[in-house]
């Protein structure tokens, strides 16, 4: 708790999977809920996305909806697709900046 919980305040985006089946008694749960038995709450913490960005994501991910200024909820089965949409450009930007940093030293 002392190591994991503080990390959330430093993240840019959190993906939280929420089961839609009863998991209240951990001794009775036989299987981890499948993606289709879950929702994924995507919480944007830093670099808060614009309304247009969230509306665009909502339009691209069927069954998604906005629950707050910086929160989008999607069906669990769409998590990988959402990660591709949200993270691909960020990863490309990081790779581009990494190569630019190497060029500065030369």
PDB file of N, CA and C in Angstrom:
ATOM      1  N   UNK A   1       0.822  -1.197   0.000  1.00  0.00           N
ATOM      2  CA  UNK A   1       0.000   0.000   0.000  1.00  0.00           C
ATOM      3  C   UNK A   1       0.871   1.269   0.000  1.00  0.00           C
ATOM      4  N   UNK A   2       1.976   1.220   0.694  1.00  0.00           N
ATOM      5  CA  UNK A   2       2.852   2.399   0.772  1.00  0.00           C
ATOM      6  C   UNK A   2       3.628   2.629  -0.517  1.00  0.00           C
ATOM      7  N   UNK A   3       3.764   1.600  -1.349  1.00  0.00           N
ATOM      8  CA  UNK A   3       4.535   1.730  -2.574  1.00  0.00           C
ATOM      9  C   UNK A   3       3.671   1.873  -3.816  1.00  0.00           C
ATOM     10  N   UNK A   4       2.553   1.155  -3.849  1.00  0.00           N
ATOM     11  CA  UNK A   4       1.717   1.164  -5.050  1.00  0.00           C
ATOM     12  C   UNK A   4       0.775   2.367  -5.080  1.00  0.00           C
ATOM     13  N   UNK A   5       0.097   2.650  -4.004  1.00  0.00           N
ATOM     14  CA  UNK A   5      -0.896   3.730  -3.984  1.00  0.00           C
ATOM     15  C   UNK A   5      -0.309   5.100  -4.350  1.00  0.00           C
ATOM     16  N   UNK A   6       0.858   5.480  -3.837  1.00  0.00           N
ATOM     17  CA  UNK A   6       1.401   6.804  -4.219  1.00  0.00           C
ATOM     18  C   UNK A   6       1.703   6.942  -5.705  1.00  0.00           C
ATOM     19  N   UNK A   7       1.878   5.828  -6.418  1.00  0.00           N
ATOM     20  CA  UNK A   7       2.192   5.904  -7.833  1.00  0.00           C
ATOM     21  C   UNK A   7       1.051   6.492  -8.648  1.00  0.00           C
ATOM     22  N   UNK A   8      -0.189   6.345  -8.198  1.00  0.00           N
ATOM     23  CA  UNK A   8      -1.324   6.816  -8.965  1.00  0.00           C
ATOM     24  C   UNK A   8      -1.312   8.328  -9.161  1.00  0.00           C
ATOM     25  N   UNK A   9      -0.760   9.072  -8.229  1.00  0.00           N
ATOM     26  CA  UNK A   9      -0.737  10.522  -8.391  1.00  0.00           C
ATOM     27  C   UNK A   9       0.299  10.975  -9.412  1.00  0.00           C
ATOM     28  N   UNK A  10       1.178  10.066  -9.839  1.00  0.00           N
ATOM     29  CA  UNK A  10       2.210  10.414 -10.812  1.00  0.00           C
ATOM     30  C   UNK A  10       1.908   9.889 -12.217  1.00  0.00           C
ATOM     31  N   UNK A  11       0.825   9.164 -12.386  1.00  0.00           N
ATOM     32  CA  UNK A  11       0.509   8.593 -13.693  1.00  0.00           C
ATOM     33  C   UNK A  11      -0.256   9.592 -14.551  1.00  0.00           C
ATOM     34  N   UNK A  12      -0.211   9.376 -15.834  1.00  0.00           N
ATOM     35  CA  UNK A  12      -0.952  10.212 -16.771  1.00  0.00           C
ATOM     36  C   UNK A  12      -2.324   9.620 -17.047  1.00  0.00           C
ATOM     37  N   UNK A  13      -2.382   8.286 -17.130  1.00  0.00           N
ATOM     38  CA  UNK A  13      -3.632   7.601 -17.453  1.00  0.00           C
ATOM     39  C   UNK A  13      -3.714   6.328 -16.610  1.00  0.00           C
ATOM     40  N   UNK A  14      -4.871   6.080 -16.012  1.00  0.00           N
ATOM     41  CA  UNK A  14      -5.112   4.830 -15.294  1.00  0.00           C
ATOM     42  C   UNK A  14      -6.202   4.053 -16.002  1.00  0.00           C
ATOM     43  N   UNK A  15      -5.992   2.762 -16.178  1.00  0.00           N
ATOM     44  CA  UNK A  15      -6.999   1.850 -16.702  1.00  0.00           C
ATOM     45  C   UNK A  15      -7.418   0.957 -15.539  1.00  0.00           C
ATOM     46  N   UNK A  16      -8.675   1.033 -15.153  1.00  0.00           N
ATOM     47  CA  UNK A  16      -9.172   0.245 -14.024  1.00  0.00           C
ATOM     48  C   UNK A  16     -10.280  -0.679 -14.508  1.00  0.00           C
ATOM     49  N   UNK A  17     -10.095  -1.975 -14.318  1.00  0.00           N
ATOM     50  CA  UNK A  17     -11.095  -2.952 -14.740  1.00  0.00           C
ATOM     51  C   UNK A  17     -12.077  -3.197 -13.607  1.00  0.00           C
ATOM     52  N   UNK A  18     -13.359  -3.078 -13.914  1.00  0.00           N
ATOM     53  CA  UNK A  18     -14.405  -3.212 -12.907  1.00  0.00           C
ATOM     54  C   UNK A  18     -15.297  -4.399 -13.281  1.00  0.00           C
ATOM     55  N   UNK A  19     -15.345  -5.455 -12.450  1.00  0.00           N
ATOM     56  CA  UNK A  19     -16.188  -6.602 -12.781  1.00  0.00           C
ATOM     57  C   UNK A  19     -17.673  -6.265 -12.680  1.00  0.00           C
ATOM     58  N   UNK A  20     -18.453  -6.887 -13.550  1.00  0.00           N
ATOM     59  CA  UNK A  20     -19.905  -6.708 -13.529  1.00  0.00           C
ATOM     60  C   UNK A  20     -20.612  -7.943 -12.971  1.00  0.00           C
ATOM     61  N   UNK A  21     -19.835  -8.880 -12.453  1.00  0.00           N
ATOM     62  CA  UNK A  21     -20.395 -10.067 -11.815  1.00  0.00           C
ATOM     63  C   UNK A  21     -20.058 -10.011 -10.333  1.00  0.00           C
ATOM     64  N   UNK A  22     -20.779 -10.772  -9.540  1.00  0.00           N
ATOM     65  CA  UNK A  22     -20.598 -10.747  -8.088  1.00  0.00           C
ATOM     66  C   UNK A  22     -19.237 -11.329  -7.704  1.00  0.00           C
ATOM     67  N   UNK A  23     -18.397 -10.507  -7.109  1.00  0.00           N
ATOM     68  CA  UNK A  23     -17.093 -10.948  -6.608  1.00  0.00           C
ATOM     69  C   UNK A  23     -16.978 -10.613  -5.121  1.00  0.00           C
ATOM     70  N   UNK A  24     -18.105 -10.428  -4.450  1.00  0.00           N
ATOM     71  CA  UNK A  24     -18.103  -9.981  -3.056  1.00  0.00           C
ATOM     72  C   UNK A  24     -17.534 -11.018  -2.096  1.00  0.00           C
ATOM     73  N   UNK A  25     -17.682 -12.311  -2.419  1.00  0.00           N
ATOM     74  CA  UNK A  25     -17.126 -13.353  -1.565  1.00  0.00           C
ATOM     75  C   UNK A  25     -15.943 -13.988  -2.294  1.00  0.00           C
ATOM     76  N   UNK A  26     -14.720 -13.615  -1.931  1.00  0.00           N
ATOM     77  CA  UNK A  26     -13.553 -14.115  -2.662  1.00  0.00           C
ATOM     78  C   UNK A  26     -13.387 -15.631  -2.576  1.00  0.00           C
ATOM     79  N   UNK A  27     -14.015 -16.275  -1.588  1.00  0.00           N
ATOM     80  CA  UNK A  27     -13.892 -17.725  -1.451  1.00  0.00           C
ATOM     81  C   UNK A  27     -14.836 -18.473  -2.382  1.00  0.00           C
ATOM     82  N   UNK A  28     -15.832 -17.778  -2.933  1.00  0.00           N
ATOM     83  CA  UNK A  28     -16.791 -18.398  -3.840  1.00  0.00           C
ATOM     84  C   UNK A  28     -16.466 -18.125  -5.310  1.00  0.00           C
ATOM     85  N   UNK A  29     -15.624 -17.153  -5.571  1.00  0.00           N
ATOM     86  CA  UNK A  29     -15.284 -16.809  -6.947  1.00  0.00           C
ATOM     87  C   UNK A  29     -14.328 -17.867  -7.493  1.00  0.00           C
ATOM     88  N   UNK A  30     -14.723 -18.510  -8.565  1.00  0.00           N
ATOM     89  CA  UNK A  30     -13.918 -19.583  -9.146  1.00  0.00           C
ATOM     90  C   UNK A  30     -13.025 -19.075 -10.274  1.00  0.00           C
ATOM     91  N   UNK A  31     -13.474 -18.073 -11.000  1.00  0.00           N
ATOM     92  CA  UNK A  31     -12.735 -17.558 -12.145  1.00  0.00           C
ATOM     93  C   UNK A  31     -12.655 -16.039 -12.076  1.00  0.00           C
ATOM     94  N   UNK A  32     -11.621 -15.514 -12.685  1.00  0.00           N
ATOM     95  CA  UNK A  32     -11.520 -14.063 -12.836  1.00  0.00           C
ATOM     96  C   UNK A  32     -12.554 -13.657 -13.883  1.00  0.00           C
ATOM     97  N   UNK A  33     -13.335 -12.610 -13.619  1.00  0.00           N
ATOM     98  CA  UNK A  33     -14.321 -12.186 -14.626  1.00  0.00           C
ATOM     99  C   UNK A  33     -13.656 -11.915 -15.972  1.00  0.00           C
ATOM    100  N   UNK A  34     -14.310 -12.358 -17.031  1.00  0.00           N
ATOM    101  CA  UNK A  34     -13.781 -12.156 -18.385  1.00  0.00           C
ATOM    102  C   UNK A  34     -13.909 -10.682 -18.771  1.00  0.00           C
ATOM    103  N   UNK A  35     -13.209 -10.264 -19.817  1.00  0.00           N
ATOM    104  CA  UNK A  35     -13.363  -8.876 -20.274  1.00  0.00           C
ATOM    105  C   UNK A  35     -14.819  -8.523 -20.584  1.00  0.00           C
ATOM    106  N   UNK A  36     -15.578  -9.483 -21.130  1.00  0.00           N
ATOM    107  CA  UNK A  36     -16.982  -9.204 -21.444  1.00  0.00           C
ATOM    108  C   UNK A  36     -17.850  -9.079 -20.197  1.00  0.00           C
ATOM    109  N   UNK A  37     -17.328  -9.490 -19.053  1.00  0.00           N
ATOM    110  CA  UNK A  37     -18.040  -9.356 -17.783  1.00  0.00           C
ATOM    111  C   UNK A  37     -17.512  -8.165 -16.995  1.00  0.00           C
ATOM    112  N   UNK A  38     -16.859  -7.248 -17.680  1.00  0.00           N
ATOM    113  CA  UNK A  38     -16.215  -6.108 -17.017  1.00  0.00           C
ATOM    114  C   UNK A  38     -16.430  -4.817 -17.799  1.00  0.00           C
ATOM    115  N   UNK A  39     -16.240  -3.726 -17.095  1.00  0.00           N
ATOM    116  CA  UNK A  39     -16.105  -2.409 -17.699  1.00  0.00           C
ATOM    117  C   UNK A  39     -14.689  -1.936 -17.407  1.00  0.00           C
ATOM    118  N   UNK A  40     -14.192  -1.025 -18.193  1.00  0.00           N
ATOM    119  CA  UNK A  40     -12.880  -0.428 -17.937  1.00  0.00           C
ATOM    120  C   UNK A  40     -13.083   1.070 -17.777  1.00  0.00           C
ATOM    121  N   UNK A  41     -12.636   1.574 -16.652  1.00  0.00           N
ATOM    122  CA  UNK A  41     -12.696   3.002 -16.366  1.00  0.00           C
ATOM    123  C   UNK A  41     -11.328   3.575 -16.728  1.00  0.00           C
ATOM    124  N   UNK A  42     -11.312   4.521 -17.648  1.00  0.00           N
ATOM    125  CA  UNK A  42     -10.063   5.164 -18.069  1.00  0.00           C
ATOM    126  C   UNK A  42     -10.072   6.568 -17.472  1.00  0.00           C
ATOM    127  N   UNK A  43      -9.110   6.792 -16.587  1.00  0.00           N
ATOM    128  CA  UNK A  43      -9.043   8.067 -15.869  1.00  0.00           C
ATOM    129  C   UNK A  43      -7.791   8.805 -16.326  1.00  0.00           C
ATOM    130  N   UNK A  44      -7.983   9.964 -16.927  1.00  0.00           N
ATOM    131  CA  UNK A  44      -6.878  10.800 -17.406  1.00  0.00           C
ATOM    132  C   UNK A  44      -6.502  11.756 -16.284  1.00  0.00           C
ATOM    133  N   UNK A  45      -5.275  11.643 -15.763  1.00  0.00           N
ATOM    134  CA  UNK A  45      -4.870  12.453 -14.625  1.00  0.00           C
ATOM    135  C   UNK A  45      -4.059  13.676 -15.013  1.00  0.00           C
ATOM    136  N   UNK A  46      -3.029  13.474 -15.822  1.00  0.00           N
ATOM    137  CA  UNK A  46      -2.187  14.594 -16.238  1.00  0.00           C
ATOM    138  C   UNK A  46      -2.468  14.881 -17.694  1.00  0.00           C
ATOM    139  N   UNK A  47      -2.166  16.066 -18.132  1.00  0.00           N
ATOM    140  CA  UNK A  47      -2.463  16.454 -19.517  1.00  0.00           C
ATOM    141  C   UNK A  47      -3.924  16.144 -19.834  1.00  0.00           C
ATOM    142  N   UNK A  48      -4.798  16.683 -19.013  1.00  0.00           N
ATOM    143  CA  UNK A  48      -6.227  16.388 -19.155  1.00  0.00           C
ATOM    144  C   UNK A  48      -6.673  16.575 -20.606  1.00  0.00           C
ATOM    145  N   UNK A  49      -7.349  15.567 -21.148  1.00  0.00           N
ATOM    146  CA  UNK A  49      -7.750  15.640 -22.547  1.00  0.00           C
ATOM    147  C   UNK A  49      -8.867  16.651 -22.762  1.00  0.00           C
ATOM    148  N   UNK A  50      -8.917  17.183 -23.947  1.00  0.00           N
ATOM    149  CA  UNK A  50      -9.977  18.118 -24.287  1.00  0.00           C
ATOM    150  C   UNK A  50     -11.290  17.367 -24.440  1.00  0.00           C
ATOM    151  N   UNK A  51     -12.373  18.095 -24.397  1.00  0.00           N
ATOM    152  CA  UNK A  51     -13.690  17.507 -24.596  1.00  0.00           C
ATOM    153  C   UNK A  51     -13.760  16.851 -25.969  1.00  0.00           C
ATOM    154  N   UNK A  52     -13.170  17.499 -26.976  1.00  0.00           N
ATOM    155  CA  UNK A  52     -13.185  16.959 -28.331  1.00  0.00           C
ATOM    156  C   UNK A  52     -12.468  15.614 -28.388  1.00  0.00           C
ATOM    157  N   UNK A  53     -11.363  15.492 -27.683  1.00  0.00           N
ATOM    158  CA  UNK A  53     -10.603  14.243 -27.656  1.00  0.00           C
ATOM    159  C   UNK A  53     -11.452  13.117 -27.066  1.00  0.00           C
ATOM    160  N   UNK A  54     -12.094  13.388 -25.930  1.00  0.00           N
ATOM    161  CA  UNK A  54     -12.917  12.358 -25.298  1.00  0.00           C
ATOM    162  C   UNK A  54     -14.124  12.017 -26.154  1.00  0.00           C
ATOM    163  N   UNK A  55     -14.732  13.006 -26.776  1.00  0.00           N
ATOM    164  CA  UNK A  55     -15.870  12.728 -27.650  1.00  0.00           C
ATOM    165  C   UNK A  55     -15.432  11.905 -28.851  1.00  0.00           C
ATOM    166  N   UNK A  56     -14.241  12.182 -29.359  1.00  0.00           N
ATOM    167  CA  UNK A  56     -13.704  11.406 -30.466  1.00  0.00           C
ATOM    168  C   UNK A  56     -13.483   9.951 -30.044  1.00  0.00           C
ATOM    169  N   UNK A  57     -12.892   9.743 -28.870  1.00  0.00           N
ATOM    170  CA  UNK A  57     -12.698   8.384 -28.364  1.00  0.00           C
ATOM    171  C   UNK A  57     -14.039   7.684 -28.169  1.00  0.00           C
ATOM    172  N   UNK A  58     -14.978   8.404 -27.599  1.00  0.00           N
ATOM    173  CA  UNK A  58     -16.302   7.825 -27.369  1.00  0.00           C
ATOM    174  C   UNK A  58     -16.930   7.403 -28.689  1.00  0.00           C
ATOM    175  N   UNK A  59     -16.741   8.182 -29.732  1.00  0.00           N
ATOM    176  CA  UNK A  59     -17.281   7.847 -31.037  1.00  0.00           C
ATOM    177  C   UNK A  59     -16.584   6.663 -31.682  1.00  0.00           C
ATOM    178  N   UNK A  60     -15.307   6.452 -31.355  1.00  0.00           N
ATOM    179  CA  UNK A  60     -14.544   5.351 -31.934  1.00  0.00           C
ATOM    180  C   UNK A  60     -14.739   4.033 -31.190  1.00  0.00           C
ATOM    181  N   UNK A  61     -15.114   4.098 -29.912  1.00  0.00           N
ATOM    182  CA  UNK A  61     -15.250   2.888 -29.094  1.00  0.00           C
ATOM    183  C   UNK A  61     -16.724   2.663 -28.798  1.00  0.00           C
ATOM    184  N   UNK A  62     -17.300   1.699 -29.484  1.00  0.00           N
ATOM    185  CA  UNK A  62     -18.727   1.406 -29.327  1.00  0.00           C
ATOM    186  C   UNK A  62     -19.034   1.003 -27.886  1.00  0.00           C
ATOM    187  N   UNK A  63     -20.103   1.565 -27.348  1.00  0.00           N
ATOM    188  CA  UNK A  63     -20.534   1.239 -25.996  1.00  0.00           C
ATOM    189  C   UNK A  63     -19.865   2.057 -24.914  1.00  0.00           C
ATOM    190  N   UNK A  64     -19.028   3.022 -25.285  1.00  0.00           N
ATOM    191  CA  UNK A  64     -18.335   3.829 -24.284  1.00  0.00           C
ATOM    192  C   UNK A  64     -19.172   5.042 -23.910  1.00  0.00           C
ATOM    193  N   UNK A  65     -18.875   5.589 -22.733  1.00  0.00           N
ATOM    194  CA  UNK A  65     -19.552   6.807 -22.285  1.00  0.00           C
ATOM    195  C   UNK A  65     -18.649   7.582 -21.338  1.00  0.00           C
ATOM    196  N   UNK A  66     -18.900   8.878 -21.251  1.00  0.00           N
ATOM    197  CA  UNK A  66     -18.113   9.781 -20.414  1.00  0.00           C
ATOM    198  C   UNK A  66     -18.838   9.951 -19.090  1.00  0.00           C
ATOM    199  N   UNK A  67     -18.110   9.768 -17.981  1.00  0.00           N
ATOM    200  CA  UNK A  67     -18.734   9.919 -16.669  1.00  0.00           C
ATOM    201  C   UNK A  67     -18.216  11.117 -15.882  1.00  0.00           C
ATOM    202  N   UNK A  68     -17.228  11.785 -16.406  1.00  0.00           N
ATOM    203  CA  UNK A  68     -16.684  12.951 -15.725  1.00  0.00           C
ATOM    204  C   UNK A  68     -15.754  13.698 -16.644  1.00  0.00           C
ATOM    205  N   UNK A  69     -15.249  14.821 -16.163  1.00  0.00           N
ATOM    206  CA  UNK A  69     -14.382  15.662 -16.983  1.00  0.00           C
ATOM    207  C   UNK A  69     -13.185  14.896 -17.529  1.00  0.00           C
ATOM    208  N   UNK A  70     -12.624  13.999 -16.718  1.00  0.00           N
ATOM    209  CA  UNK A  70     -11.437  13.276 -17.154  1.00  0.00           C
ATOM    210  C   UNK A  70     -11.600  11.755 -17.048  1.00  0.00           C
ATOM    211  N   UNK A  71     -12.844  11.262 -17.230  1.00  0.00           N
ATOM    212  CA  UNK A  71     -13.104   9.837 -17.101  1.00  0.00           C
ATOM    213  C   UNK A  71     -13.954   9.326 -18.253  1.00  0.00           C
ATOM    214  N   UNK A  72     -13.499   8.214 -18.841  1.00  0.00           N
ATOM    215  CA  UNK A  72     -14.211   7.545 -19.921  1.00  0.00           C
ATOM    216  C   UNK A  72     -14.407   6.097 -19.496  1.00  0.00           C
ATOM    217  N   UNK A  73     -15.601   5.541 -19.714  1.00  0.00           N
ATOM    218  CA  UNK A  73     -15.886   4.147 -19.395  1.00  0.00           C
ATOM    219  C   UNK A  73     -16.136   3.405 -20.702  1.00  0.00           C
ATOM    220  N   UNK A  74     -15.494   2.237 -20.835  1.00  0.00           N
ATOM    221  CA  UNK A  74     -15.638   1.443 -22.052  1.00  0.00           C
ATOM    222  C   UNK A  74     -15.973   0.001 -21.676  1.00  0.00           C
ATOM    223  N   UNK A  75     -16.562  -0.767 -22.594  1.00  0.00           N
ATOM    224  CA  UNK A  75     -16.749  -2.202 -22.353  1.00  0.00           C
ATOM    225  C   UNK A  75     -15.385  -2.880 -22.193  1.00  0.00           C
ATOM    226  N   UNK A  76     -15.306  -3.859 -21.301  1.00  0.00           N
ATOM    227  CA  UNK A  76     -14.035  -4.525 -21.014  1.00  0.00           C
ATOM    228  C   UNK A  76     -13.384  -5.154 -22.223  1.00  0.00           C
ATOM    229  N   UNK A  77     -14.170  -5.660 -23.147  1.00  0.00           N
ATOM    230  CA  UNK A  77     -13.617  -6.287 -24.341  1.00  0.00           C
ATOM    231  C   UNK A  77     -12.948  -5.313 -25.287  1.00  0.00           C
ATOM    232  N   UNK A  78     -13.112  -4.028 -25.065  1.00  0.00           N
ATOM    233  CA  UNK A  78     -12.532  -2.995 -25.939  1.00  0.00           C
ATOM    234  C   UNK A  78     -11.263  -2.369 -25.345  1.00  0.00           C
ATOM    235  N   UNK A  79     -10.755  -2.956 -24.259  1.00  0.00           N
ATOM    236  CA  UNK A  79      -9.618  -2.347 -23.575  1.00  0.00           C
ATOM    237  C   UNK A  79      -8.365  -2.274 -24.457  1.00  0.00           C
ATOM    238  N   UNK A  80      -8.028  -3.338 -25.153  1.00  0.00           N
ATOM    239  CA  UNK A  80      -6.827  -3.324 -25.995  1.00  0.00           C
ATOM    240  C   UNK A  80      -6.953  -2.289 -27.114  1.00  0.00           C
ATOM    241  N   UNK A  81      -8.133  -2.203 -27.704  1.00  0.00           N
ATOM    242  CA  UNK A  81      -8.374  -1.213 -28.759  1.00  0.00           C
ATOM    243  C   UNK A  81      -8.217   0.201 -28.198  1.00  0.00           C
ATOM    244  N   UNK A  82      -8.782   0.438 -27.023  1.00  0.00           N
ATOM    245  CA  UNK A  82      -8.667   1.756 -26.387  1.00  0.00           C
ATOM    246  C   UNK A  82      -7.210   2.091 -26.084  1.00  0.00           C
ATOM    247  N   UNK A  83      -6.464   1.102 -25.608  1.00  0.00           N
ATOM    248  CA  UNK A  83      -5.050   1.340 -25.318  1.00  0.00           C
ATOM    249  C   UNK A  83      -4.291   1.705 -26.594  1.00  0.00           C
ATOM    250  N   UNK A  84      -4.612   1.037 -27.688  1.00  0.00           N
ATOM    251  CA  UNK A  84      -3.971   1.379 -28.966  1.00  0.00           C
ATOM    252  C   UNK A  84      -4.305   2.806 -29.371  1.00  0.00           C
ATOM    253  N   UNK A  85      -5.571   3.183 -29.266  1.00  0.00           N
ATOM    254  CA  UNK A  85      -5.983   4.533 -29.662  1.00  0.00           C
ATOM    255  C   UNK A  85      -5.321   5.602 -28.799  1.00  0.00           C
ATOM    256  N   UNK A  86      -5.258   5.357 -27.507  1.00  0.00           N
ATOM    257  CA  UNK A  86      -4.782   6.372 -26.571  1.00  0.00           C
ATOM    258  C   UNK A  86      -3.263   6.416 -26.501  1.00  0.00           C
ATOM    259  N   UNK A  87      -2.624   5.253 -26.507  1.00  0.00           N
ATOM    260  CA  UNK A  87      -1.192   5.209 -26.213  1.00  0.00           C
ATOM    261  C   UNK A  87      -0.276   5.220 -27.428  1.00  0.00           C
ATOM    262  N   UNK A  88      -0.764   4.864 -28.601  1.00  0.00           N
ATOM    263  CA  UNK A  88       0.112   4.785 -29.767  1.00  0.00           C
ATOM    264  C   UNK A  88       0.833   6.107 -30.033  1.00  0.00           C
ATOM    265  N   UNK A  89       0.104   7.207 -30.087  1.00  0.00           N
ATOM    266  CA  UNK A  89       0.743   8.492 -30.366  1.00  0.00           C
ATOM    267  C   UNK A  89       1.707   8.891 -29.260  1.00  0.00           C
ATOM    268  N   UNK A  90       1.363   8.587 -28.007  1.00  0.00           N
ATOM    269  CA  UNK A  90       2.265   8.906 -26.903  1.00  0.00           C
ATOM    270  C   UNK A  90       3.578   8.132 -27.025  1.00  0.00           C
ATOM    271  N   UNK A  91       3.479   6.850 -27.390  1.00  0.00           N
ATOM    272  CA  UNK A  91       4.678   6.030 -27.536  1.00  0.00           C
ATOM    273  C   UNK A  91       5.531   6.525 -28.701  1.00  0.00           C
ATOM    274  N   UNK A  92       4.891   6.866 -29.817  1.00  0.00           N
ATOM    275  CA  UNK A  92       5.636   7.397 -30.966  1.00  0.00           C
ATOM    276  C   UNK A  92       6.340   8.696 -30.602  1.00  0.00           C
ATOM    277  N   UNK A  93       5.666   9.563 -29.841  1.00  0.00           N
ATOM    278  CA  UNK A  93       6.284  10.820 -29.405  1.00  0.00           C
ATOM    279  C   UNK A  93       7.486  10.556 -28.501  1.00  0.00           C
ATOM    280  N   UNK A  94       7.372   9.591 -27.593  1.00  0.00           N
ATOM    281  CA  UNK A  94       8.489   9.247 -26.714  1.00  0.00           C
ATOM    282  C   UNK A  94       9.676   8.738 -27.522  1.00  0.00           C
ATOM    283  N   UNK A  95       9.397   7.890 -28.505  1.00  0.00           N
ATOM    284  CA  UNK A  95      10.478   7.361 -29.339  1.00  0.00           C
ATOM    285  C   UNK A  95      11.141   8.470 -30.157  1.00  0.00           C
ATOM    286  N   UNK A  96      10.343   9.391 -30.662  1.00  0.00           N
ATOM    287  CA  UNK A  96      10.883  10.515 -31.433  1.00  0.00           C
ATOM    288  C   UNK A  96      11.765  11.386 -30.542  1.00  0.00           C
ATOM    289  N   UNK A  97      11.284  11.691 -29.342  1.00  0.00           N
ATOM    290  CA  UNK A  97      12.060  12.524 -28.421  1.00  0.00           C
ATOM    291  C   UNK A  97      13.336  11.815 -27.973  1.00  0.00           C
ATOM    292  N   UNK A  98      13.268  10.494 -27.845  1.00  0.00           N
ATOM    293  CA  UNK A  98      14.449   9.733 -27.456  1.00  0.00           C
ATOM    294  C   UNK A  98      15.529   9.858 -28.530  1.00  0.00           C
ATOM    295  N   UNK A  99      15.139   9.753 -29.781  1.00  0.00           N
ATOM    296  CA  UNK A  99      16.123   9.857 -30.853  1.00  0.00           C
ATOM    297  C   UNK A  99      16.656  11.281 -30.959  1.00  0.00           C
ATOM    298  N   UNK A 100      15.842  12.271 -30.671  1.00  0.00           N
ATOM    299  CA  UNK A 100      16.318  13.662 -30.683  1.00  0.00           C
ATOM    300  C   UNK A 100      17.321  13.941 -29.571  1.00  0.00           C
ATOM    301  N   UNK A 101      17.146  13.300 -28.420  1.00  0.00           N
ATOM    302  CA  UNK A 101      18.076  13.491 -27.317  1.00  0.00           C
ATOM    303  C   UNK A 101      19.445  12.949 -27.687  1.00  0.00           C
ATOM    304  N   UNK A 102      19.466  11.802 -28.400  1.00  0.00           N
ATOM    305  CA  UNK A 102      20.751  11.232 -28.839  1.00  0.00           C
ATOM    306  C   UNK A 102      21.459  12.127 -29.838  1.00  0.00           C
ATOM    307  N   UNK A 103      20.686  12.837 -30.665  1.00  0.00           N
ATOM    308  CA  UNK A 103      21.279  13.711 -31.672  1.00  0.00           C
ATOM    309  C   UNK A 103      21.927  14.937 -31.048  1.00  0.00           C
ATOM    310  N   UNK A 104      21.417  15.377 -29.911  1.00  0.00           N
ATOM    311  CA  UNK A 104      21.945  16.590 -29.263  1.00  0.00           C
ATOM    312  C   UNK A 104      23.378  16.374 -28.812  1.00  0.00           C
ATOM    313  N   UNK A 105      23.686  15.179 -28.321  1.00  0.00           N
ATOM    314  CA  UNK A 105      25.022  14.908 -27.811  1.00  0.00           C
ATOM    315  C   UNK A 105      26.072  14.747 -28.889  1.00  0.00           C
ATOM    316  N   UNK A 106      25.675  14.626 -30.137  1.00  0.00           N
ATOM    317  CA  UNK A 106      26.648  14.377 -31.205  1.00  0.00           C
ATOM    318  C   UNK A 106      27.149  15.644 -31.811  1.00  0.00           C
TER     319      UNK A 106
END
